[in-house]
Every structure is written in C-alpha cells, then in structure tokens.
Amino acid sequence: MTNAEDMRVTTWPDLSGRILDGKHVLPVRVYYEDTDFTGIVYHGAYVQFFERGRSDFLRLANIHHSELKAGVDGASLAFAVRKMNIEFFKPATIDDVLEVRTTLAEQKGARIALRQEILREGILLVSADVLVAVITEDGRPTRLPLPIAQRLAQLGSAAEISGDLA
C-alpha cells in the first residue's frame, strides 16, 4: 500500500458528503456559535451552510478552488455568488443535525444556477436559489472551461457518489 492509499484508508470517506439521486447531501451539525441570543440558528449561518454545500459539491466533481485559482485548466478562475434568493420556513436549534442539499439547476456559459435546501429529519427549513458567476482573476465573467463543465455536469446527473478527501 502506498502512502496515498494509507491516507485514504484513514480519512473520513463522507466528509465531503455524497451524491444521492443527482443531489449533493452534506450533513451539518448546529453548534452554539451558529445560534443567536434566542437559541435558534442565526439567519446568516444558513448562508455559511449553503457555502459549505456548494464547495463540497464541487469537491466531489473534482473541482477545487485552489486549482481554479492556480489556473490548472487555463486562466486563473473563481466562483462568485451573483444572486441568492433565500426563503426561511422553520428554525433550527443547537445540536440539530441538518442536511444541506445542493442540486445543479443549470450550467450555461459563465453562470451556474443551483438549488439548495436545508432539511432536518426530512422537513424543509430553508431553501435558496443561487446564481454563481465564473470570473477571471480581474473579476470579469468568463465561460467555464470545458473539462470543468463536463465534470460538473456528470456529477449533477450521478446516481450515487460517496465523497472522499480528494
């Protein structure tokens, strides 16, 4: 066994969540720091949970922010949230275990549309429609390079993929 194989055996295989029926599912536990003075999750914490979901969705597609910035597939790129519409239905509280679900809605040119939901025991708490722009290092919109677009599209349609620390 190589050192890399040793690392995989000792890592947490689902740390990045998993893809189930074309949706990325990431478990998140609510900690004290996520709550406000009333003991419920502060509305801004949900934005952070959504960000984690999007980042790990990309990670399972073998799309890494550090490699985008380094220009591994061409120019130095980044993702920037252009628009986010959030709807709050029910509160979460400390120690709740939530599921952040991320689904690729559309990928076209320089934009990626995602649907995200946060659930507790199958009950929808918060939903968001997110529009992400692909930008160059100087902030200009640009098309997603074809190899990255293909990896993203494959992940969005995958039946089941379990994550690892790729």
C-alpha atoms as a PDB file:
ATOM      1  CA  MET A   1       0.000   0.000   0.000  1.00  0.00           C
ATOM      2  CA  THR A   2       1.347   3.464  -0.919  1.00  0.00           C
ATOM      3  CA  ASN A   3       1.254   6.471   1.400  1.00  0.00           C
ATOM      4  CA  ALA A   4      -1.648   7.904  -0.621  1.00  0.00           C
ATOM      5  CA  GLU A   5      -3.583   4.645  -0.186  1.00  0.00           C
ATOM      6  CA  ASP A   6      -2.788   4.687   3.557  1.00  0.00           C
ATOM      7  CA  MET A   7      -4.220   8.227   3.746  1.00  0.00           C
ATOM      8  CA  ARG A   8      -7.473   7.186   2.064  1.00  0.00           C
ATOM      9  CA  VAL A   9      -7.937   4.301   4.473  1.00  0.00           C
ATOM     10  CA  THR A  10      -7.576   6.609   7.471  1.00  0.00           C
ATOM     11  CA  THR A  11      -9.622   9.548   6.136  1.00  0.00           C
ATOM     12  CA  TRP A  12     -13.322  10.173   6.559  1.00  0.00           C
ATOM     13  CA  PRO A  13     -14.913   8.988   3.306  1.00  0.00           C
ATOM     14  CA  ASP A  14     -18.061  11.106   3.681  1.00  0.00           C
ATOM     15  CA  LEU A  15     -16.502  14.319   4.973  1.00  0.00           C
ATOM     16  CA  SER A  16     -17.476  16.000   1.693  1.00  0.00           C
ATOM     17  CA  GLY A  17     -20.950  14.486   1.766  1.00  0.00           C
ATOM     18  CA  ARG A  18     -22.287  12.319  -1.008  1.00  0.00           C
ATOM     19  CA  ILE A  19     -24.340  12.440  -4.180  1.00  0.00           C
ATOM     20  CA  LEU A  20     -27.715  10.705  -3.936  1.00  0.00           C
ATOM     21  CA  ASP A  21     -30.134  10.735  -6.874  1.00  0.00           C
ATOM     22  CA  GLY A  22     -28.293  13.642  -8.514  1.00  0.00           C
ATOM     23  CA  LYS A  23     -28.298  15.771  -5.320  1.00  0.00           C
ATOM     24  CA  HIS A  24     -25.325  16.541  -3.132  1.00  0.00           C
ATOM     25  CA  VAL A  25     -26.123  15.889   0.535  1.00  0.00           C
ATOM     26  CA  LEU A  26     -23.885  17.295   3.267  1.00  0.00           C
ATOM     27  CA  PRO A  27     -24.641  16.713   6.958  1.00  0.00           C
ATOM     28  CA  VAL A  28     -24.081  19.737   9.208  1.00  0.00           C
ATOM     29  CA  ARG A  29     -24.447  19.882  12.984  1.00  0.00           C
ATOM     30  CA  VAL A  30     -25.648  23.119  14.579  1.00  0.00           C
ATOM     31  CA  TYR A  31     -23.205  24.443  17.171  1.00  0.00           C
ATOM     32  CA  TYR A  32     -23.626  27.167  19.763  1.00  0.00           C
ATOM     33  CA  GLU A  33     -21.707  29.590  17.532  1.00  0.00           C
ATOM     34  CA  ASP A  34     -24.391  29.167  14.831  1.00  0.00           C
ATOM     35  CA  THR A  35     -27.180  30.432  17.080  1.00  0.00           C
ATOM     36  CA  ASP A  36     -28.342  33.859  18.174  1.00  0.00           C
ATOM     37  CA  PHE A  37     -29.439  35.026  21.621  1.00  0.00           C
ATOM     38  CA  THR A  38     -32.790  33.222  21.248  1.00  0.00           C
ATOM     39  CA  GLY A  39     -31.093  29.840  20.787  1.00  0.00           C
ATOM     40  CA  ILE A  40     -32.133  29.387  17.160  1.00  0.00           C
ATOM     41  CA  VAL A  41     -29.824  29.380  14.158  1.00  0.00           C
ATOM     42  CA  TYR A  42     -28.903  32.920  13.120  1.00  0.00           C
ATOM     43  CA  HIS A  43     -30.076  33.614   9.561  1.00  0.00           C
ATOM     44  CA  GLY A  44     -26.519  34.350   8.370  1.00  0.00           C
ATOM     45  CA  ALA A  45     -25.352  30.893   9.474  1.00  0.00           C
ATOM     46  CA  TYR A  46     -27.568  29.315   6.815  1.00  0.00           C
ATOM     47  CA  VAL A  47     -25.590  31.188   4.147  1.00  0.00           C
ATOM     48  CA  GLN A  48     -22.423  29.567   5.528  1.00  0.00           C
ATOM     49  CA  PHE A  49     -24.076  26.133   5.486  1.00  0.00           C
ATOM     50  CA  PHE A  50     -25.077  26.698   1.856  1.00  0.00           C
ATOM     51  CA  GLU A  51     -21.492  27.727   1.009  1.00  0.00           C
ATOM     52  CA  ARG A  52     -20.139  24.505   2.531  1.00  0.00           C
ATOM     53  CA  GLY A  53     -22.646  22.540   0.481  1.00  0.00           C
ATOM     54  CA  ARG A  54     -21.615  24.240  -2.760  1.00  0.00           C
ATOM     55  CA  SER A  55     -17.895  23.831  -2.023  1.00  0.00           C
ATOM     56  CA  ASP A  56     -18.209  20.129  -1.257  1.00  0.00           C
ATOM     57  CA  PHE A  57     -20.499  19.606  -4.253  1.00  0.00           C
ATOM     58  CA  LEU A  58     -17.631  20.947  -6.372  1.00  0.00           C
ATOM     59  CA  ARG A  59     -15.062  18.890  -4.453  1.00  0.00           C
ATOM     60  CA  LEU A  60     -16.921  15.674  -5.365  1.00  0.00           C
ATOM     61  CA  ALA A  61     -16.790  16.806  -9.000  1.00  0.00           C
ATOM     62  CA  ASN A  62     -13.002  17.063  -8.592  1.00  0.00           C
ATOM     63  CA  ILE A  63     -13.237  20.843  -8.947  1.00  0.00           C
ATOM     64  CA  HIS A  64     -11.095  22.528  -6.317  1.00  0.00           C
ATOM     65  CA  HIS A  65     -10.991  26.263  -5.596  1.00  0.00           C
ATOM     66  CA  SER A  66      -7.200  26.194  -5.176  1.00  0.00           C
ATOM     67  CA  GLU A  67      -6.744  24.561  -8.601  1.00  0.00           C
ATOM     68  CA  LEU A  68      -9.135  27.053 -10.221  1.00  0.00           C
ATOM     69  CA  LYS A  69      -7.117  29.927  -8.761  1.00  0.00           C
ATOM     70  CA  ALA A  70      -3.855  28.304  -9.895  1.00  0.00           C
ATOM     71  CA  GLY A  71      -5.213  28.061 -13.457  1.00  0.00           C
ATOM     72  CA  VAL A  72      -4.843  24.288 -13.746  1.00  0.00           C
ATOM     73  CA  ASP A  73      -7.396  24.232 -16.611  1.00  0.00           C
ATOM     74  CA  GLY A  74      -6.311  27.524 -18.201  1.00  0.00           C
ATOM     75  CA  ALA A  75      -6.721  31.018 -16.753  1.00  0.00           C
ATOM     76  CA  SER A  76      -6.973  31.689 -13.032  1.00  0.00           C
ATOM     77  CA  LEU A  77     -10.675  31.447 -12.170  1.00  0.00           C
ATOM     78  CA  ALA A  78     -13.020  31.794  -9.221  1.00  0.00           C
ATOM     79  CA  PHE A  79     -16.696  31.432  -8.457  1.00  0.00           C
ATOM     80  CA  ALA A  80     -18.619  34.457  -7.197  1.00  0.00           C
ATOM     81  CA  VAL A  81     -22.178  34.408  -5.931  1.00  0.00           C
ATOM     82  CA  ARG A  82     -24.090  36.812  -8.159  1.00  0.00           C
ATOM     83  CA  LYS A  83     -27.565  36.315  -6.729  1.00  0.00           C
ATOM     84  CA  MET A  84     -29.132  34.390  -3.875  1.00  0.00           C
ATOM     85  CA  ASN A  85     -32.837  34.173  -3.036  1.00  0.00           C
ATOM     86  CA  ILE A  86     -33.452  32.594   0.354  1.00  0.00           C
ATOM     87  CA  GLU A  87     -36.743  31.543   1.882  1.00  0.00           C
ATOM     88  CA  PHE A  88     -36.972  30.609   5.569  1.00  0.00           C
ATOM     89  CA  PHE A  89     -39.682  28.156   6.651  1.00  0.00           C
ATOM     90  CA  LYS A  90     -38.786  26.749  10.085  1.00  0.00           C
ATOM     91  CA  PRO A  91     -35.960  27.358  12.565  1.00  0.00           C
ATOM     92  CA  ALA A  92     -33.119  25.024  13.512  1.00  0.00           C
ATOM     93  CA  THR A  93     -31.649  24.920  17.008  1.00  0.00           C
ATOM     94  CA  ILE A  94     -28.442  23.877  18.735  1.00  0.00           C
ATOM     95  CA  ASP A  95     -27.406  20.225  18.273  1.00  0.00           C
ATOM     96  CA  ASP A  96     -29.748  19.697  15.313  1.00  0.00           C
ATOM     97  CA  VAL A  97     -28.247  17.610  12.525  1.00  0.00           C
ATOM     98  CA  LEU A  98     -29.160  19.208   9.217  1.00  0.00           C
ATOM     99  CA  GLU A  99     -28.813  18.102   5.613  1.00  0.00           C
ATOM    100  CA  VAL A 100     -27.646  20.668   3.098  1.00  0.00           C
ATOM    101  CA  ARG A 101     -28.829  19.520  -0.330  1.00  0.00           C
ATOM    102  CA  THR A 102     -27.394  21.039  -3.480  1.00  0.00           C
ATOM    103  CA  THR A 103     -28.690  20.397  -6.987  1.00  0.00           C
ATOM    104  CA  LEU A 104     -27.303  21.711 -10.246  1.00  0.00           C
ATOM    105  CA  ALA A 105     -30.228  23.501 -11.928  1.00  0.00           C
ATOM    106  CA  GLU A 106     -28.428  24.931 -14.953  1.00  0.00           C
ATOM    107  CA  GLN A 107     -24.938  25.441 -16.282  1.00  0.00           C
ATOM    108  CA  LYS A 108     -24.543  27.833 -19.163  1.00  0.00           C
ATOM    109  CA  GLY A 109     -21.600  29.948 -20.294  1.00  0.00           C
ATOM    110  CA  ALA A 110     -20.280  31.936 -17.339  1.00  0.00           C
ATOM    111  CA  ARG A 111     -23.063  31.038 -14.921  1.00  0.00           C
ATOM    112  CA  ILE A 112     -24.123  28.140 -12.765  1.00  0.00           C
ATOM    113  CA  ALA A 113     -27.582  28.001 -11.201  1.00  0.00           C
ATOM    114  CA  LEU A 114     -28.046  25.859  -8.106  1.00  0.00           C
ATOM    115  CA  ARG A 115     -30.999  24.920  -5.921  1.00  0.00           C
ATOM    116  CA  GLN A 116     -30.129  24.425  -2.270  1.00  0.00           C
ATOM    117  CA  GLU A 117     -32.207  23.222   0.647  1.00  0.00           C
ATOM    118  CA  ILE A 118     -31.568  22.676   4.336  1.00  0.00           C
ATOM    119  CA  LEU A 119     -33.636  19.951   5.970  1.00  0.00           C
ATOM    120  CA  ARG A 120     -33.936  18.449   9.426  1.00  0.00           C
ATOM    121  CA  GLU A 121     -35.280  14.897   9.505  1.00  0.00           C
ATOM    122  CA  GLY A 122     -36.804  15.365   6.054  1.00  0.00           C
ATOM    123  CA  ILE A 123     -38.509  18.670   6.911  1.00  0.00           C
ATOM    124  CA  LEU A 124     -37.586  21.655   4.760  1.00  0.00           C
ATOM    125  CA  LEU A 125     -36.267  24.529   6.897  1.00  0.00           C
ATOM    126  CA  VAL A 126     -34.624  26.869   4.370  1.00  0.00           C
ATOM    127  CA  SER A 127     -34.289  26.967   0.587  1.00  0.00           C
ATOM    128  CA  ALA A 128     -32.119  29.049  -1.719  1.00  0.00           C
ATOM    129  CA  ASP A 129     -31.796  29.614  -5.440  1.00  0.00           C
ATOM    130  CA  VAL A 130     -28.203  30.588  -6.121  1.00  0.00           C
ATOM    131  CA  LEU A 131     -26.671  32.041  -9.262  1.00  0.00           C
ATOM    132  CA  VAL A 132     -22.898  31.749  -9.388  1.00  0.00           C
ATOM    133  CA  ALA A 133     -20.704  33.558 -11.912  1.00  0.00           C
ATOM    134  CA  VAL A 134     -17.412  32.185 -13.196  1.00  0.00           C
ATOM    135  CA  ILE A 135     -14.915  35.050 -13.124  1.00  0.00           C
ATOM    136  CA  THR A 136     -11.302  35.674 -14.085  1.00  0.00           C
ATOM    137  CA  GLU A 137      -8.697  36.939 -11.671  1.00  0.00           C
ATOM    138  CA  ASP A 138      -9.592  40.533 -12.572  1.00  0.00           C
ATOM    139  CA  GLY A 139     -13.322  39.931 -11.914  1.00  0.00           C
ATOM    140  CA  ARG A 140     -14.592  39.565 -15.479  1.00  0.00           C
ATOM    141  CA  PRO A 141     -17.159  36.875 -16.300  1.00  0.00           C
ATOM    142  CA  THR A 142     -15.847  34.019 -18.410  1.00  0.00           C
ATOM    143  CA  ARG A 143     -17.001  30.651 -19.651  1.00  0.00           C
ATOM    144  CA  LEU A 144     -16.265  27.622 -17.533  1.00  0.00           C
ATOM    145  CA  PRO A 145     -13.509  25.572 -19.246  1.00  0.00           C
ATOM    146  CA  LEU A 146     -14.983  22.512 -20.984  1.00  0.00           C
ATOM    147  CA  PRO A 147     -13.253  19.878 -18.786  1.00  0.00           C
ATOM    148  CA  ILE A 148     -14.628  21.532 -15.640  1.00  0.00           C
ATOM    149  CA  ALA A 149     -18.095  21.974 -17.174  1.00  0.00           C
ATOM    150  CA  GLN A 150     -18.142  18.279 -18.096  1.00  0.00           C
ATOM    151  CA  ARG A 151     -17.133  17.174 -14.572  1.00  0.00           C
ATOM    152  CA  LEU A 152     -19.832  19.378 -13.081  1.00  0.00           C
ATOM    153  CA  ALA A 153     -22.496  18.066 -15.472  1.00  0.00           C
ATOM    154  CA  GLN A 154     -21.511  14.448 -14.750  1.00  0.00           C
ATOM    155  CA  LEU A 155     -21.778  14.991 -11.018  1.00  0.00           C
ATOM    156  CA  GLY A 156     -25.147  16.677 -11.337  1.00  0.00           C
ATOM    157  CA  SER A 157     -26.535  13.612 -13.060  1.00  0.00           C
ATOM    158  CA  ALA A 158     -24.749  10.946 -10.983  1.00  0.00           C
ATOM    159  CA  ALA A 159     -26.968   8.428  -9.222  1.00  0.00           C
ATOM    160  CA  GLU A 160     -24.762   7.925  -6.175  1.00  0.00           C
ATOM    161  CA  ILE A 161     -21.227   9.028  -5.358  1.00  0.00           C
ATOM    162  CA  SER A 162     -19.740   8.815  -1.907  1.00  0.00           C
ATOM    163  CA  GLY A 163     -17.196  11.507  -1.118  1.00  0.00           C
ATOM    164  CA  ASP A 164     -13.601  11.199  -0.054  1.00  0.00           C
ATOM    165  CA  LEU A 165     -10.949  13.743   0.745  1.00  0.00           C
ATOM    166  CA  ALA A 166      -9.883  14.242  -2.876  1.00  0.00           C
END
